[in-house]
Amino acid sequence: MASNGHEKRKREEESVSGLTNIKKKRSGENNIITEHEEPTAGTSQDPGPSDSGFHISRFTRLQTLGKGGFGEVVLASFPGRNIFTAIKIVDRGSGADMILRERRILLKAQDCPFICHLYAAQQSANKAYFIMEYLSGGSLRAMIRMCGRLDISSVRFYTAEIVCGLQFLHQHNIVHRDIKLDNIMVDRDGHIRLIDLGLAQDGVTSSNKICGRTGTVKYMAPEVLLEKEYDTAVDWWSLGIVVSRMAAGQSPFYHGSKKEKVIESITTE
């Protein structure tokens, strides 16, 4: 089923290589620099807004979907089209390198049906905007809150699709670094999409490791918590926590509110 979706997407898309097909134009309105690809059709989403007039100022903001240290994600509609998008709004003060890295990784992810796809990336003087697919099925966290835990067939299905998404990232030397229930969404057809690549790092290999305590503590691997060097293997640890949460409704480690006890449990038990 996933393979058919991938083939369908392949037929719908024209091949894009790096930034060569990125169209750049300066809009006089609000002094916004627009940089975007042709919108990519997804198996779980109607085709994105057309290239013509695809400007951040034309979207209607409907509601806030989430907030974090990075900024916020809002649900928005495009005039004259029966389509909803999720727009991630990032303060440019968070750093140009981080914003450009996330955009670079999202462009690479266009070929993977298990990662949320980017329609366009735009910027104003103070904000960067990632206009992305809206995934109406909600997050795994919301699902587990309703169900308590999932049946084993659902755990196997979702795990397999998460694995496919992680394998794609790792084959491109990208480590996600924040795999958790909140960052695993379900599209309207019931398939998994990984989201939030703001903490992801590219260029990571077994011989080119990175360090730094980044992510969500309860899902961090011991080497991340201990600030040792690590590679893409830390994503598999985080997936293990996710699988436990799906199957048992809880983490195999201390899952209370005391951060110190969480760290001690993960690094010593």
Protein backbone atom coordinates (compact mmCIF):
# COMPACT_ATOMS: atom_id res chain seq x y z
CA MET A 1 0.00 0.00 0.00
CA ALA A 2 2.82 2.38 0.94
CA SER A 3 4.68 1.42 -2.22
CA ASN A 4 1.67 2.30 -4.37
CA GLY A 5 1.42 5.70 -2.69
CA HIS A 6 5.09 6.31 -3.30
CA GLU A 7 4.77 5.35 -6.98
CA LYS A 8 1.74 7.59 -7.33
CA ARG A 9 3.65 10.50 -5.88
CA LYS A 10 6.53 9.77 -8.20
CA ARG A 11 4.24 9.94 -11.20
CA GLU A 12 2.68 13.18 -10.02
CA GLU A 13 5.95 14.94 -9.31
CA GLU A 14 8.61 16.13 -11.71
CA SER A 15 12.06 15.31 -10.50
CA VAL A 16 13.60 18.05 -8.39
CA SER A 17 17.30 18.16 -7.75
CA GLY A 18 18.60 20.27 -4.88
CA LEU A 19 17.85 23.93 -5.38
CA THR A 20 18.06 23.98 -9.17
CA ASN A 21 14.28 24.06 -9.64
CA ILE A 22 13.58 26.41 -6.74
CA LYS A 23 11.86 29.52 -8.06
CA LYS A 24 12.83 32.77 -6.41
CA LYS A 25 10.98 36.05 -6.60
CA ARG A 26 10.67 39.19 -4.54
CA SER A 27 7.20 40.35 -3.69
CA GLY A 28 6.57 44.02 -3.14
CA GLU A 29 3.89 43.19 -0.58
CA ASN A 30 5.23 43.11 2.99
CA ASN A 31 8.78 42.88 1.62
CA ILE A 32 8.64 39.09 1.72
CA ILE A 33 11.19 37.02 -0.12
CA THR A 34 9.48 33.98 -1.64
CA GLU A 35 11.40 30.79 -2.32
CA HIS A 36 9.40 27.72 -3.19
CA GLU A 37 9.12 24.63 -5.26
CA GLU A 38 6.18 23.51 -7.30
CA PRO A 39 3.75 22.18 -4.65
CA THR A 40 3.96 18.44 -4.24
CA ALA A 41 0.83 16.30 -4.24
CA GLY A 42 0.60 13.86 -1.33
CA THR A 43 -1.41 10.69 -0.95
CA SER A 44 -3.13 12.16 2.07
CA GLN A 45 -3.60 15.72 0.90
CA ASP A 46 -5.15 17.56 -2.02
CA PRO A 47 -2.56 19.18 -4.31
CA GLY A 48 -1.10 22.29 -2.76
CA PRO A 49 -1.84 25.84 -3.86
CA SER A 50 -0.68 26.64 -7.36
CA ASP A 51 2.55 28.50 -8.01
CA SER A 52 0.66 31.60 -9.12
CA GLY A 53 0.05 33.97 -6.21
CA PHE A 54 1.28 31.45 -3.64
CA HIS A 55 2.17 34.10 -1.06
CA ILE A 56 2.05 33.91 2.71
CA SER A 57 -0.11 37.04 2.95
CA ARG A 58 -2.92 35.32 1.01
CA PHE A 59 -3.45 32.57 3.59
CA THR A 60 -6.19 32.86 6.19
CA ARG A 61 -5.08 31.80 9.65
CA LEU A 62 -7.72 29.59 11.28
CA GLN A 63 -6.26 28.31 14.55
CA THR A 64 -3.06 27.48 16.39
CA LEU A 65 -2.09 23.80 16.15
CA GLY A 66 0.90 23.92 18.46
CA LYS A 67 3.56 26.09 20.08
CA GLY A 68 7.14 25.43 21.12
CA GLY A 69 10.52 27.02 21.60
CA PHE A 70 10.84 27.28 17.81
CA GLY A 71 7.67 29.36 17.35
CA GLU A 72 4.24 28.02 16.41
CA VAL A 73 2.32 25.96 13.87
CA VAL A 74 -1.00 27.28 12.60
CA LEU A 75 -3.78 25.84 10.47
CA ALA A 76 -4.46 28.03 7.45
CA SER A 77 -6.63 28.01 4.34
CA PHE A 78 -5.91 29.28 0.85
CA PRO A 79 -8.54 31.47 -0.85
CA GLY A 80 -10.53 29.91 -3.63
CA ARG A 81 -9.19 26.42 -3.00
CA ASN A 82 -10.58 23.63 -0.86
CA ILE A 83 -7.29 23.05 0.91
CA PHE A 84 -5.82 23.43 4.37
CA THR A 85 -2.14 23.79 5.18
CA ALA A 86 -0.05 23.75 8.33
CA ILE A 87 2.26 26.74 8.49
CA LYS A 88 5.25 26.57 10.80
CA ILE A 89 6.27 30.08 11.81
CA VAL A 90 9.82 30.40 13.08
CA ASP A 91 11.48 33.49 14.55
CA ARG A 92 14.50 34.26 12.36
CA GLY A 93 16.35 35.18 15.53
CA SER A 94 16.63 31.44 16.21
CA GLY A 95 19.42 31.36 13.65
CA ALA A 96 19.75 31.30 9.89
CA ASP A 97 21.78 28.08 9.95
CA MET A 98 19.03 26.16 11.74
CA ILE A 99 16.30 27.48 9.43
CA LEU A 100 18.26 26.74 6.27
CA ARG A 101 19.18 23.28 7.55
CA GLU A 102 15.54 22.41 8.23
CA ARG A 103 14.56 23.65 4.77
CA ARG A 104 17.39 21.65 3.17
CA ILE A 105 16.30 18.48 4.97
CA LEU A 106 12.63 19.00 4.10
CA LEU A 107 13.55 19.33 0.43
CA LYS A 108 15.37 16.00 0.60
CA ALA A 109 12.34 14.46 2.30
CA GLN A 110 10.05 15.17 -0.67
CA ASP A 111 10.71 11.64 -1.95
CA CYS A 112 9.59 9.92 1.25
CA PRO A 113 5.86 9.20 1.78
CA PHE A 114 6.37 8.87 5.55
CA ILE A 115 7.60 12.42 6.19
CA CYS A 116 5.41 15.53 6.12
CA HIS A 117 6.00 17.39 2.86
CA LEU A 118 6.94 21.00 2.31
CA TYR A 119 4.94 23.11 -0.18
CA ALA A 120 6.96 26.32 0.18
CA ALA A 121 9.42 28.21 2.34
CA GLN A 122 9.11 31.96 2.64
CA GLN A 123 10.49 34.68 4.87
CA SER A 124 9.81 38.21 6.05
CA ALA A 125 12.15 40.51 7.93
CA ASN A 126 11.53 38.71 11.24
CA LYS A 127 9.89 35.37 10.46
CA ALA A 128 10.45 32.26 8.38
CA TYR A 129 7.41 30.33 7.13
CA PHE A 130 7.32 26.64 6.26
CA ILE A 131 4.05 25.96 4.42
CA MET A 132 3.38 22.25 4.74
CA GLU A 133 0.78 19.53 4.43
CA TYR A 134 -1.96 19.54 7.03
CA LEU A 135 -2.23 16.06 8.56
CA SER A 136 -5.79 15.73 9.78
CA GLY A 137 -5.43 12.39 11.58
CA GLY A 138 -3.73 13.91 14.62
CA SER A 139 -0.70 12.69 16.54
CA LEU A 140 0.06 9.33 18.11
CA ARG A 141 -0.01 11.08 21.48
CA ALA A 142 -3.62 12.14 20.94
CA MET A 143 -4.48 8.62 19.81
CA ILE A 144 -2.93 7.04 22.90
CA ARG A 145 -4.64 9.56 25.16
CA MET A 146 -7.96 8.34 23.79
CA CYS A 147 -7.18 4.62 23.69
CA GLY A 148 -4.68 4.17 26.52
CA ARG A 149 -2.70 1.78 24.35
CA LEU A 150 -2.99 0.36 20.84
CA ASP A 151 -3.72 -3.17 19.68
CA ILE A 152 -0.71 -5.14 18.48
CA SER A 153 -1.65 -5.00 14.78
CA SER A 154 -1.75 -1.18 14.93
CA VAL A 155 1.57 -1.11 16.80
CA ARG A 156 3.18 -3.26 14.10
CA PHE A 157 1.72 -1.20 11.26
CA TYR A 158 2.69 2.19 12.68
CA THR A 159 6.13 0.96 13.74
CA ALA A 160 6.83 -0.37 10.23
CA GLU A 161 5.98 2.99 8.67
CA ILE A 162 8.06 4.91 11.23
CA VAL A 163 10.96 2.58 10.45
CA CYS A 164 10.58 3.38 6.73
CA GLY A 165 10.70 7.11 7.49
CA LEU A 166 13.77 6.75 9.69
CA GLN A 167 15.54 4.56 7.16
CA PHE A 168 15.02 7.23 4.52
CA LEU A 169 16.51 9.91 6.79
CA HIS A 170 19.43 7.74 7.84
CA GLN A 171 20.21 6.76 4.24
CA HIS A 172 20.65 10.48 3.64
CA ASN A 173 22.85 10.80 6.76
CA ILE A 174 20.14 12.70 8.66
CA VAL A 175 19.37 12.08 12.32
CA HIS A 176 15.94 13.32 13.47
CA ARG A 177 16.86 13.74 17.16
CA ASP A 178 13.30 14.32 18.38
CA ILE A 179 11.32 11.17 17.65
CA LYS A 180 8.38 11.16 20.08
CA LEU A 181 4.61 10.65 20.04
CA ASP A 182 3.93 14.34 19.36
CA ASN A 183 6.15 14.32 16.27
CA ILE A 184 4.49 11.30 14.68
CA MET A 185 1.30 12.26 12.88
CA VAL A 186 -1.35 10.28 11.04
CA ASP A 187 -2.68 11.46 7.70
CA ARG A 188 -6.32 11.20 6.65
CA ASP A 189 -5.69 7.80 5.07
CA GLY A 190 -4.26 6.40 8.30
CA HIS A 191 -0.58 6.47 7.34
CA ILE A 192 2.30 7.73 9.45
CA ARG A 193 4.13 11.01 8.79
CA LEU A 194 7.16 12.19 10.75
CA ILE A 195 7.12 15.91 11.46
CA ASP A 196 9.24 18.65 13.07
CA LEU A 197 12.72 18.40 11.60
CA GLY A 198 13.83 21.57 13.36
CA LEU A 199 16.30 19.66 15.54
CA ALA A 200 17.41 17.28 12.79
CA GLN A 201 21.04 17.26 11.72
CA ASP A 202 22.41 16.23 8.35
CA GLY A 203 25.86 14.99 7.41
CA VAL A 204 25.89 12.50 10.31
CA THR A 205 27.73 9.19 9.79
CA SER A 206 29.44 6.60 11.96
CA SER A 207 32.71 8.41 11.30
CA ASN A 208 31.23 11.91 11.60
CA LYS A 209 29.29 11.87 14.85
CA ILE A 210 27.74 14.79 16.67
CA CYS A 211 27.10 15.64 20.31
CA GLY A 212 24.75 17.82 22.30
CA ARG A 213 21.73 17.18 24.50
CA THR A 214 18.94 17.89 22.04
CA GLY A 215 15.40 16.56 21.86
CA THR A 216 12.89 15.52 24.51
CA VAL A 217 14.43 14.07 27.69
CA LYS A 218 12.09 11.10 28.12
CA TYR A 219 12.92 9.89 24.60
CA MET A 220 16.67 10.63 24.63
CA ALA A 221 19.22 7.83 24.35
CA PRO A 222 21.76 7.47 27.19
CA GLU A 223 24.62 8.81 25.02
CA VAL A 224 22.62 11.97 24.31
CA LEU A 225 21.84 12.53 28.00
CA LEU A 226 25.48 11.89 28.91
CA GLU A 227 26.58 14.33 26.18
CA LYS A 228 28.71 11.76 24.40
CA GLU A 229 29.16 11.58 20.63
CA TYR A 230 26.38 9.82 18.74
CA ASP A 231 25.04 9.09 15.26
CA THR A 232 21.70 8.07 13.75
CA ALA A 233 21.41 5.15 16.20
CA VAL A 234 19.83 7.47 18.79
CA ASP A 235 16.66 7.62 16.67
CA TRP A 236 16.21 3.85 17.14
CA TRP A 237 16.36 4.26 20.90
CA SER A 238 13.65 6.92 20.70
CA LEU A 239 11.58 4.61 18.50
CA GLY A 240 11.87 1.94 21.20
CA ILE A 241 10.30 4.33 23.70
CA VAL A 242 7.54 5.15 21.19
CA VAL A 243 6.80 1.44 20.62
CA SER A 244 6.57 0.87 24.37
CA ARG A 245 4.18 3.81 24.71
CA MET A 246 2.00 2.47 21.89
CA ALA A 247 1.94 -1.13 23.14
CA ALA A 248 1.94 -0.68 26.92
CA GLY A 249 0.79 2.90 27.38
CA GLN A 250 3.97 3.83 29.23
CA SER A 251 7.73 4.12 28.94
CA PRO A 252 9.95 1.25 30.15
CA PHE A 253 11.79 3.86 32.27
CA TYR A 254 10.70 6.31 34.95
CA HIS A 255 8.08 8.51 33.33
CA GLY A 256 7.22 10.95 36.11
CA SER A 257 7.69 14.69 36.27
CA LYS A 258 11.11 14.72 37.95
CA LYS A 259 13.68 15.29 35.22
CA GLU A 260 16.60 14.08 37.34
CA LYS A 261 14.88 10.74 38.00
CA VAL A 262 14.12 10.35 34.27
CA ILE A 263 17.80 10.85 33.40
CA GLU A 264 18.98 8.52 36.15
CA SER A 265 16.53 5.81 35.08
CA ILE A 266 17.50 5.95 31.41
CA THR A 267 21.26 6.06 32.01
CA THR A 268 21.50 3.44 34.76
CA GLU A 269 18.63 0.94 34.44
